[in-house]
Amino acid sequence: MSKQIFGAQMSLRCCGTTAPERTAGPCWQLYVAMTGLVSEWPTYTWPASTEIPTVRQRHDALTELGFGLADGAEWEWTEHTGPDYHPHPARVLLLGAVKVRPLEEGAA
């Protein structure tokens, strides 16, 4: 099993997203922060919805990206206000983060 540990983060994209595919409205997006360009990080985007993905949906998304939770890892949640550059009023944003490890070869 790989000993490499990475951070995965999940957030609600309030205005939709253009990568890896375009969404028409708010959607949850999960990515694994790695070395290299942000545009090359493994990313999973759920269909447009503001409903928080379930633990099972998050597990399945990580598996599809080739990752699993690191030993003893649990999702941690934080709140912060949105950036000033958005065209709508600032609101509280919810961010989920967890430590992940690459799955063994052929597991994904």
C-alpha atoms as a PDB file:
ATOM      1  CA  MET A   1       0.000   0.000   0.000  1.00  0.00           C
ATOM      2  CA  SER A   2       1.231   3.502  -0.804  1.00  0.00           C
ATOM      3  CA  LYS A   3       2.495   5.626   2.066  1.00  0.00           C
ATOM      4  CA  GLN A   4       1.889   8.871   0.165  1.00  0.00           C
ATOM      5  CA  ILE A   5      -0.780  11.056   1.768  1.00  0.00           C
ATOM      6  CA  PHE A   6      -2.582  13.896   0.004  1.00  0.00           C
ATOM      7  CA  GLY A   7      -5.306  16.329   0.984  1.00  0.00           C
ATOM      8  CA  ALA A   8      -8.701  16.106  -0.670  1.00  0.00           C
ATOM      9  CA  GLN A   9     -11.115  19.018  -0.445  1.00  0.00           C
ATOM     10  CA  MET A  10     -14.753  19.342  -1.368  1.00  0.00           C
ATOM     11  CA  SER A  11     -16.727  22.555  -1.762  1.00  0.00           C
ATOM     12  CA  LEU A  12     -19.929  23.874  -3.252  1.00  0.00           C
ATOM     13  CA  ARG A  13     -19.149  25.800  -6.419  1.00  0.00           C
ATOM     14  CA  CYS A  14     -21.843  28.473  -6.027  1.00  0.00           C
ATOM     15  CA  CYS A  15     -21.678  29.713  -9.625  1.00  0.00           C
ATOM     16  CA  GLY A  16     -21.109  26.355 -11.283  1.00  0.00           C
ATOM     17  CA  THR A  17     -17.855  25.279 -12.841  1.00  0.00           C
ATOM     18  CA  THR A  18     -16.192  24.980 -16.225  1.00  0.00           C
ATOM     19  CA  ALA A  19     -13.711  22.193 -15.408  1.00  0.00           C
ATOM     20  CA  PRO A  20     -13.558  19.327 -15.876  1.00  0.00           C
ATOM     21  CA  GLU A  21     -17.000  19.886 -17.420  1.00  0.00           C
ATOM     22  CA  ARG A  22     -19.373  22.845 -17.469  1.00  0.00           C
ATOM     23  CA  THR A  23     -22.288  22.894 -15.039  1.00  0.00           C
ATOM     24  CA  ALA A  24     -25.301  25.147 -15.359  1.00  0.00           C
ATOM     25  CA  GLY A  25     -25.557  25.989 -11.679  1.00  0.00           C
ATOM     26  CA  PRO A  26     -24.259  25.330  -8.195  1.00  0.00           C
ATOM     27  CA  CYS A  27     -22.522  21.974  -7.760  1.00  0.00           C
ATOM     28  CA  TRP A  28     -20.235  20.169  -5.346  1.00  0.00           C
ATOM     29  CA  GLN A  29     -16.698  19.539  -6.535  1.00  0.00           C
ATOM     30  CA  LEU A  30     -13.999  17.360  -4.981  1.00  0.00           C
ATOM     31  CA  TYR A  31     -10.310  17.542  -5.838  1.00  0.00           C
ATOM     32  CA  VAL A  32      -7.074  16.004  -4.597  1.00  0.00           C
ATOM     33  CA  ALA A  33      -4.316  18.581  -4.072  1.00  0.00           C
ATOM     34  CA  MET A  34      -1.054  17.307  -5.532  1.00  0.00           C
ATOM     35  CA  THR A  35       2.166  18.694  -6.912  1.00  0.00           C
ATOM     36  CA  GLY A  36       1.982  20.178 -10.381  1.00  0.00           C
ATOM     37  CA  LEU A  37      -0.586  22.376 -12.043  1.00  0.00           C
ATOM     38  CA  VAL A  38      -3.982  22.810 -10.376  1.00  0.00           C
ATOM     39  CA  SER A  39      -5.595  22.098 -13.751  1.00  0.00           C
ATOM     40  CA  GLU A  40      -4.058  18.589 -13.611  1.00  0.00           C
ATOM     41  CA  TRP A  41      -5.293  17.674 -10.115  1.00  0.00           C
ATOM     42  CA  PRO A  42      -7.750  14.759  -9.984  1.00  0.00           C
ATOM     43  CA  THR A  43     -11.216  16.357  -9.820  1.00  0.00           C
ATOM     44  CA  TYR A  44     -14.746  15.010  -9.506  1.00  0.00           C
ATOM     45  CA  THR A  45     -17.837  17.166 -10.118  1.00  0.00           C
ATOM     46  CA  TRP A  46     -21.331  16.110  -9.062  1.00  0.00           C
ATOM     47  CA  PRO A  47     -24.355  17.196 -11.145  1.00  0.00           C
ATOM     48  CA  ALA A  48     -25.760  20.650 -10.350  1.00  0.00           C
ATOM     49  CA  SER A  49     -27.262  20.584  -6.837  1.00  0.00           C
ATOM     50  CA  THR A  50     -26.692  22.266  -3.488  1.00  0.00           C
ATOM     51  CA  GLU A  51     -27.311  19.016  -1.558  1.00  0.00           C
ATOM     52  CA  ILE A  52     -24.132  17.807   0.201  1.00  0.00           C
ATOM     53  CA  PRO A  53     -22.925  14.488  -1.278  1.00  0.00           C
ATOM     54  CA  THR A  54     -23.349  11.579   1.128  1.00  0.00           C
ATOM     55  CA  VAL A  55     -20.416   9.724   2.698  1.00  0.00           C
ATOM     56  CA  ARG A  56     -21.017   6.916   0.172  1.00  0.00           C
ATOM     57  CA  GLN A  57     -21.038   9.349  -2.782  1.00  0.00           C
ATOM     58  CA  ARG A  58     -17.778  10.903  -1.540  1.00  0.00           C
ATOM     59  CA  HIS A  59     -16.212   7.443  -1.174  1.00  0.00           C
ATOM     60  CA  ASP A  60     -17.288   6.479  -4.691  1.00  0.00           C
ATOM     61  CA  ALA A  61     -15.931   9.748  -6.137  1.00  0.00           C
ATOM     62  CA  LEU A  62     -12.562   9.261  -4.423  1.00  0.00           C
ATOM     63  CA  THR A  63     -12.403   5.661  -5.662  1.00  0.00           C
ATOM     64  CA  GLU A  64     -13.136   6.820  -9.217  1.00  0.00           C
ATOM     65  CA  LEU A  65     -10.229   9.266  -8.878  1.00  0.00           C
ATOM     66  CA  GLY A  66      -7.968   6.436  -7.633  1.00  0.00           C
ATOM     67  CA  PHE A  67      -7.876   7.384  -3.930  1.00  0.00           C
ATOM     68  CA  GLY A  68      -9.144   6.134  -0.595  1.00  0.00           C
ATOM     69  CA  LEU A  69      -9.194   7.613   2.894  1.00  0.00           C
ATOM     70  CA  ALA A  70      -5.881   7.485   4.738  1.00  0.00           C
ATOM     71  CA  ASP A  71      -5.841   5.282   7.848  1.00  0.00           C
ATOM     72  CA  GLY A  72      -7.895   6.900  10.592  1.00  0.00           C
ATOM     73  CA  ALA A  73      -8.915   9.856   8.407  1.00  0.00           C
ATOM     74  CA  GLU A  74     -12.312  11.499   8.869  1.00  0.00           C
ATOM     75  CA  TRP A  75     -13.970  14.346   6.998  1.00  0.00           C
ATOM     76  CA  GLU A  76     -13.467  17.728   8.667  1.00  0.00           C
ATOM     77  CA  TRP A  77     -15.787  20.646   7.930  1.00  0.00           C
ATOM     78  CA  THR A  78     -15.111  24.376   8.096  1.00  0.00           C
ATOM     79  CA  GLU A  79     -17.085  27.484   7.209  1.00  0.00           C
ATOM     80  CA  HIS A  80     -15.894  30.727   5.662  1.00  0.00           C
ATOM     81  CA  THR A  81     -17.403  33.611   3.737  1.00  0.00           C
ATOM     82  CA  GLY A  82     -17.264  33.696  -0.030  1.00  0.00           C
ATOM     83  CA  PRO A  83     -14.740  35.803  -1.936  1.00  0.00           C
ATOM     84  CA  ASP A  84     -15.492  39.474  -2.663  1.00  0.00           C
ATOM     85  CA  TYR A  85     -15.147  39.061  -6.437  1.00  0.00           C
ATOM     86  CA  HIS A  86     -18.389  37.070  -6.839  1.00  0.00           C
ATOM     87  CA  PRO A  87     -21.305  39.051  -8.302  1.00  0.00           C
ATOM     88  CA  HIS A  88     -23.677  37.989  -5.505  1.00  0.00           C
ATOM     89  CA  PRO A  89     -23.722  38.866  -1.797  1.00  0.00           C
ATOM     90  CA  ALA A  90     -21.180  37.092   0.415  1.00  0.00           C
ATOM     91  CA  ARG A  91     -22.496  33.949   2.042  1.00  0.00           C
ATOM     92  CA  VAL A  92     -21.150  31.253   4.323  1.00  0.00           C
ATOM     93  CA  LEU A  93     -19.400  28.480   2.432  1.00  0.00           C
ATOM     94  CA  LEU A  94     -18.927  24.942   3.714  1.00  0.00           C
ATOM     95  CA  LEU A  95     -15.672  23.135   2.939  1.00  0.00           C
ATOM     96  CA  GLY A  96     -14.954  19.461   3.577  1.00  0.00           C
ATOM     97  CA  ALA A  97     -11.409  18.118   3.796  1.00  0.00           C
ATOM     98  CA  VAL A  98      -9.888  14.695   4.382  1.00  0.00           C
ATOM     99  CA  LYS A  99      -6.491  13.004   4.079  1.00  0.00           C
ATOM    100  CA  VAL A 100      -6.336  10.437   1.263  1.00  0.00           C
ATOM    101  CA  ARG A 101      -3.878   7.916  -0.168  1.00  0.00           C
ATOM    102  CA  PRO A 102      -3.559   6.476  -3.662  1.00  0.00           C
ATOM    103  CA  LEU A 103      -5.259   3.108  -4.089  1.00  0.00           C
ATOM    104  CA  GLU A 104      -3.079   0.125  -4.879  1.00  0.00           C
ATOM    105  CA  GLU A 105      -2.399  -0.479  -8.565  1.00  0.00           C
ATOM    106  CA  GLY A 106      -5.468  -1.843 -10.306  1.00  0.00           C
ATOM    107  CA  ALA A 107      -7.819  -1.051  -7.399  1.00  0.00           C
ATOM    108  CA  ALA A 108      -9.553   1.865  -9.113  1.00  0.00           C
END
